Amino acid sequence: MKLKITPLNFATAFLLILAVYVFINGASITGVEFAHMSGTIGAIFLLFAFVVSFLDIIFRNFFTDTKKLWVIELSFITLAVVIFLLVK
């Protein structure tokens, strides 16, 4: 299997680092500590990392060309961010 570096790989790595950080240091938003929810928030980030990793594998099967794969995955990330900001 050939190793391809893709945007969703970076997103998966970021989510895993974020999950480990939350497990170790706890979660705090605007100075308010969520000590009792740190495990839950860390588990949610692990779930997101798993879903993004699975989605990366699906995109790799559909788009074999690396340039097209980057465009599709960057478009997906942009769409997800726009939807997140609209919902927020």
N, C-alpha and C. Protein backbone atom coordinates (compact mmCIF):
# COMPACT_ATOMS: atom_id res chain seq x y z
N MET A 1 0.84 -1.16 0.00
CA MET A 1 0.00 0.00 0.00
C MET A 1 0.90 1.24 0.00
N LYS A 2 0.62 2.13 -0.93
CA LYS A 2 1.42 3.34 -1.06
C LYS A 2 0.91 4.40 -0.09
N LEU A 3 1.84 5.03 0.61
CA LEU A 3 1.49 6.06 1.57
C LEU A 3 1.26 7.38 0.85
N LYS A 4 0.08 7.95 1.01
CA LYS A 4 -0.25 9.25 0.44
C LYS A 4 -0.55 10.21 1.57
N ILE A 5 0.07 11.38 1.51
CA ILE A 5 -0.21 12.42 2.48
C ILE A 5 -1.38 13.23 1.94
N THR A 6 -2.45 13.33 2.73
CA THR A 6 -3.66 14.03 2.29
C THR A 6 -4.12 14.97 3.40
N PRO A 7 -4.99 15.92 3.07
CA PRO A 7 -5.50 16.85 4.10
C PRO A 7 -6.25 16.16 5.23
N LEU A 8 -6.96 15.09 4.93
CA LEU A 8 -7.67 14.39 6.00
C LEU A 8 -6.72 13.64 6.92
N ASN A 9 -5.51 13.30 6.44
CA ASN A 9 -4.49 12.74 7.34
C ASN A 9 -4.09 13.78 8.37
N PHE A 10 -3.91 15.02 7.93
CA PHE A 10 -3.57 16.10 8.86
C PHE A 10 -4.71 16.34 9.85
N ALA A 11 -5.95 16.28 9.37
CA ALA A 11 -7.10 16.47 10.25
C ALA A 11 -7.18 15.35 11.28
N THR A 12 -6.91 14.12 10.87
CA THR A 12 -6.92 12.98 11.81
C THR A 12 -5.84 13.15 12.86
N ALA A 13 -4.65 13.54 12.44
CA ALA A 13 -3.55 13.74 13.39
C ALA A 13 -3.89 14.86 14.37
N PHE A 14 -4.48 15.95 13.88
CA PHE A 14 -4.87 17.05 14.75
C PHE A 14 -5.91 16.60 15.77
N LEU A 15 -6.89 15.84 15.34
CA LEU A 15 -7.93 15.37 16.26
C LEU A 15 -7.37 14.40 17.30
N LEU A 16 -6.43 13.56 16.90
CA LEU A 16 -5.82 12.64 17.87
C LEU A 16 -4.99 13.41 18.90
N ILE A 17 -4.23 14.41 18.45
CA ILE A 17 -3.45 15.23 19.37
C ILE A 17 -4.38 15.99 20.32
N LEU A 18 -5.48 16.50 19.78
CA LEU A 18 -6.45 17.22 20.60
C LEU A 18 -7.09 16.29 21.64
N ALA A 19 -7.39 15.06 21.26
CA ALA A 19 -7.98 14.11 22.19
C ALA A 19 -7.01 13.78 23.33
N VAL A 20 -5.76 13.56 22.98
CA VAL A 20 -4.75 13.26 24.02
C VAL A 20 -4.58 14.46 24.94
N TYR A 21 -4.56 15.67 24.37
CA TYR A 21 -4.42 16.88 25.18
C TYR A 21 -5.60 17.02 26.15
N VAL A 22 -6.81 16.76 25.68
CA VAL A 22 -7.99 16.87 26.55
C VAL A 22 -7.96 15.80 27.63
N PHE A 23 -7.52 14.59 27.29
CA PHE A 23 -7.44 13.54 28.30
C PHE A 23 -6.42 13.90 29.38
N ILE A 24 -5.30 14.50 28.99
CA ILE A 24 -4.25 14.81 29.96
C ILE A 24 -4.55 16.08 30.74
N ASN A 25 -4.88 17.17 30.06
CA ASN A 25 -5.02 18.47 30.71
C ASN A 25 -6.46 18.84 31.06
N GLY A 26 -7.41 18.15 30.53
CA GLY A 26 -8.81 18.50 30.78
C GLY A 26 -9.29 19.53 29.77
N ALA A 27 -10.57 19.74 29.75
CA ALA A 27 -11.18 20.67 28.80
C ALA A 27 -11.60 21.92 29.55
N SER A 28 -11.29 23.08 28.95
CA SER A 28 -11.78 24.33 29.52
C SER A 28 -12.15 25.25 28.37
N ILE A 29 -13.31 25.89 28.52
CA ILE A 29 -13.79 26.82 27.52
C ILE A 29 -13.99 28.15 28.22
N THR A 30 -13.31 29.16 27.75
CA THR A 30 -13.35 30.53 28.30
C THR A 30 -13.14 30.53 29.82
N GLY A 31 -12.17 29.74 30.25
CA GLY A 31 -11.81 29.74 31.66
C GLY A 31 -12.66 28.86 32.55
N VAL A 32 -13.75 28.31 32.04
CA VAL A 32 -14.62 27.44 32.83
C VAL A 32 -14.15 26.00 32.65
N GLU A 33 -13.79 25.36 33.74
CA GLU A 33 -13.28 23.99 33.68
C GLU A 33 -14.44 22.99 33.55
N PHE A 34 -14.24 22.00 32.72
CA PHE A 34 -15.20 20.91 32.57
C PHE A 34 -14.50 19.62 33.01
N ALA A 35 -14.16 19.54 34.29
CA ALA A 35 -13.38 18.42 34.80
C ALA A 35 -14.15 17.10 34.69
N HIS A 36 -15.43 17.13 34.91
CA HIS A 36 -16.21 15.90 34.88
C HIS A 36 -16.55 15.45 33.46
N MET A 37 -16.32 16.31 32.47
CA MET A 37 -16.64 15.95 31.08
C MET A 37 -15.41 15.78 30.21
N SER A 38 -14.21 15.83 30.77
CA SER A 38 -12.99 15.75 29.97
C SER A 38 -12.89 14.40 29.26
N GLY A 39 -13.26 13.33 29.93
CA GLY A 39 -13.21 12.01 29.30
C GLY A 39 -14.18 11.89 28.15
N THR A 40 -15.36 12.46 28.32
CA THR A 40 -16.37 12.42 27.27
C THR A 40 -15.94 13.25 26.06
N ILE A 41 -15.42 14.42 26.32
CA ILE A 41 -14.97 15.28 25.22
C ILE A 41 -13.80 14.64 24.49
N GLY A 42 -12.88 14.04 25.22
CA GLY A 42 -11.76 13.33 24.59
C GLY A 42 -12.24 12.16 23.75
N ALA A 43 -13.23 11.43 24.25
CA ALA A 43 -13.78 10.30 23.48
C ALA A 43 -14.48 10.79 22.21
N ILE A 44 -15.13 11.94 22.27
CA ILE A 44 -15.76 12.50 21.08
C ILE A 44 -14.71 12.85 20.03
N PHE A 45 -13.58 13.44 20.47
CA PHE A 45 -12.50 13.74 19.52
C PHE A 45 -11.91 12.47 18.92
N LEU A 46 -11.81 11.40 19.72
CA LEU A 46 -11.34 10.12 19.18
C LEU A 46 -12.32 9.57 18.14
N LEU A 47 -13.62 9.71 18.41
CA LEU A 47 -14.63 9.28 17.45
C LEU A 47 -14.53 10.08 16.16
N PHE A 48 -14.36 11.40 16.27
CA PHE A 48 -14.19 12.24 15.08
C PHE A 48 -12.96 11.81 14.29
N ALA A 49 -11.86 11.51 14.99
CA ALA A 49 -10.64 11.07 14.31
C ALA A 49 -10.87 9.76 13.56
N PHE A 50 -11.61 8.84 14.16
CA PHE A 50 -11.92 7.58 13.50
C PHE A 50 -12.77 7.80 12.25
N VAL A 51 -13.77 8.66 12.35
CA VAL A 51 -14.65 8.94 11.21
C VAL A 51 -13.88 9.62 10.08
N VAL A 52 -13.03 10.57 10.42
CA VAL A 52 -12.24 11.27 9.39
C VAL A 52 -11.27 10.30 8.74
N SER A 53 -10.66 9.42 9.51
CA SER A 53 -9.74 8.43 8.95
C SER A 53 -10.48 7.48 8.00
N PHE A 54 -11.67 7.03 8.39
CA PHE A 54 -12.48 6.16 7.54
C PHE A 54 -12.88 6.88 6.26
N LEU A 55 -13.24 8.15 6.38
CA LEU A 55 -13.62 8.95 5.21
C LEU A 55 -12.44 9.13 4.26
N ASP A 56 -11.24 9.27 4.82
CA ASP A 56 -10.04 9.37 4.00
C ASP A 56 -9.83 8.09 3.18
N ILE A 57 -10.06 6.96 3.80
CA ILE A 57 -9.92 5.68 3.08
C ILE A 57 -10.94 5.57 1.96
N ILE A 58 -12.16 6.02 2.22
CA ILE A 58 -13.21 5.98 1.19
C ILE A 58 -12.84 6.89 0.02
N PHE A 59 -12.38 8.11 0.32
CA PHE A 59 -11.99 9.02 -0.75
C PHE A 59 -10.81 8.47 -1.56
N ARG A 60 -9.87 7.78 -0.91
CA ARG A 60 -8.74 7.21 -1.62
C ARG A 60 -9.17 6.12 -2.60
N ASN A 61 -10.21 5.38 -2.24
CA ASN A 61 -10.70 4.33 -3.14
C ASN A 61 -11.40 4.92 -4.36
N PHE A 62 -12.09 6.05 -4.19
CA PHE A 62 -12.81 6.64 -5.31
C PHE A 62 -11.92 7.48 -6.21
N PHE A 63 -10.93 8.16 -5.65
CA PHE A 63 -10.08 9.07 -6.42
C PHE A 63 -8.63 8.61 -6.30
N THR A 64 -8.12 8.01 -7.36
CA THR A 64 -6.76 7.47 -7.31
C THR A 64 -5.70 8.53 -7.61
N ASP A 65 -6.04 9.56 -8.36
CA ASP A 65 -5.10 10.63 -8.67
C ASP A 65 -4.91 11.51 -7.44
N THR A 66 -3.65 11.73 -7.06
CA THR A 66 -3.36 12.47 -5.83
C THR A 66 -3.83 13.92 -5.90
N LYS A 67 -3.66 14.56 -7.05
CA LYS A 67 -4.07 15.96 -7.17
C LYS A 67 -5.59 16.09 -7.03
N LYS A 68 -6.32 15.21 -7.65
CA LYS A 68 -7.79 15.23 -7.55
C LYS A 68 -8.23 14.90 -6.12
N LEU A 69 -7.52 14.00 -5.48
CA LEU A 69 -7.82 13.63 -4.09
C LEU A 69 -7.65 14.83 -3.17
N TRP A 70 -6.57 15.60 -3.34
CA TRP A 70 -6.35 16.79 -2.53
C TRP A 70 -7.47 17.80 -2.73
N VAL A 71 -7.87 18.02 -3.98
CA VAL A 71 -8.93 18.99 -4.26
C VAL A 71 -10.23 18.56 -3.61
N ILE A 72 -10.59 17.30 -3.73
CA ILE A 72 -11.83 16.79 -3.15
C ILE A 72 -11.80 16.88 -1.62
N GLU A 73 -10.69 16.48 -1.01
CA GLU A 73 -10.63 16.51 0.44
C GLU A 73 -10.59 17.93 0.99
N LEU A 74 -9.90 18.83 0.33
CA LEU A 74 -9.91 20.23 0.76
C LEU A 74 -11.30 20.84 0.59
N SER A 75 -12.00 20.46 -0.47
CA SER A 75 -13.37 20.93 -0.65
C SER A 75 -14.27 20.40 0.45
N PHE A 76 -14.09 19.15 0.83
CA PHE A 76 -14.89 18.56 1.91
C PHE A 76 -14.63 19.28 3.23
N ILE A 77 -13.35 19.55 3.53
CA ILE A 77 -13.01 20.24 4.77
C ILE A 77 -13.61 21.64 4.77
N THR A 78 -13.52 22.34 3.64
CA THR A 78 -14.09 23.68 3.53
C THR A 78 -15.60 23.65 3.73
N LEU A 79 -16.27 22.69 3.12
CA LEU A 79 -17.71 22.54 3.28
C LEU A 79 -18.09 22.26 4.72
N ALA A 80 -17.33 21.39 5.38
CA ALA A 80 -17.61 21.07 6.78
C ALA A 80 -17.43 22.30 7.67
N VAL A 81 -16.41 23.10 7.41
CA VAL A 81 -16.17 24.31 8.21
C VAL A 81 -17.29 25.33 7.98
N VAL A 82 -17.72 25.50 6.73
CA VAL A 82 -18.80 26.44 6.43
C VAL A 82 -20.10 26.00 7.11
N ILE A 83 -20.42 24.73 7.04
CA ILE A 83 -21.64 24.23 7.69
C ILE A 83 -21.54 24.41 9.20
N PHE A 84 -20.36 24.14 9.77
CA PHE A 84 -20.17 24.34 11.21
C PHE A 84 -20.40 25.80 11.59
N LEU A 85 -19.86 26.72 10.82
CA LEU A 85 -20.00 28.13 11.14
C LEU A 85 -21.44 28.60 10.95
N LEU A 86 -22.15 28.05 9.98
CA LEU A 86 -23.55 28.41 9.78
C LEU A 86 -24.43 27.91 10.92
N VAL A 87 -24.16 26.72 11.40
CA VAL A 87 -24.93 26.15 12.50
C VAL A 87 -24.63 26.88 13.80
N LYS A 88 -23.38 27.24 13.97
CA LYS A 88 -22.96 27.93 15.20
C LYS A 88 -23.63 29.27 15.29
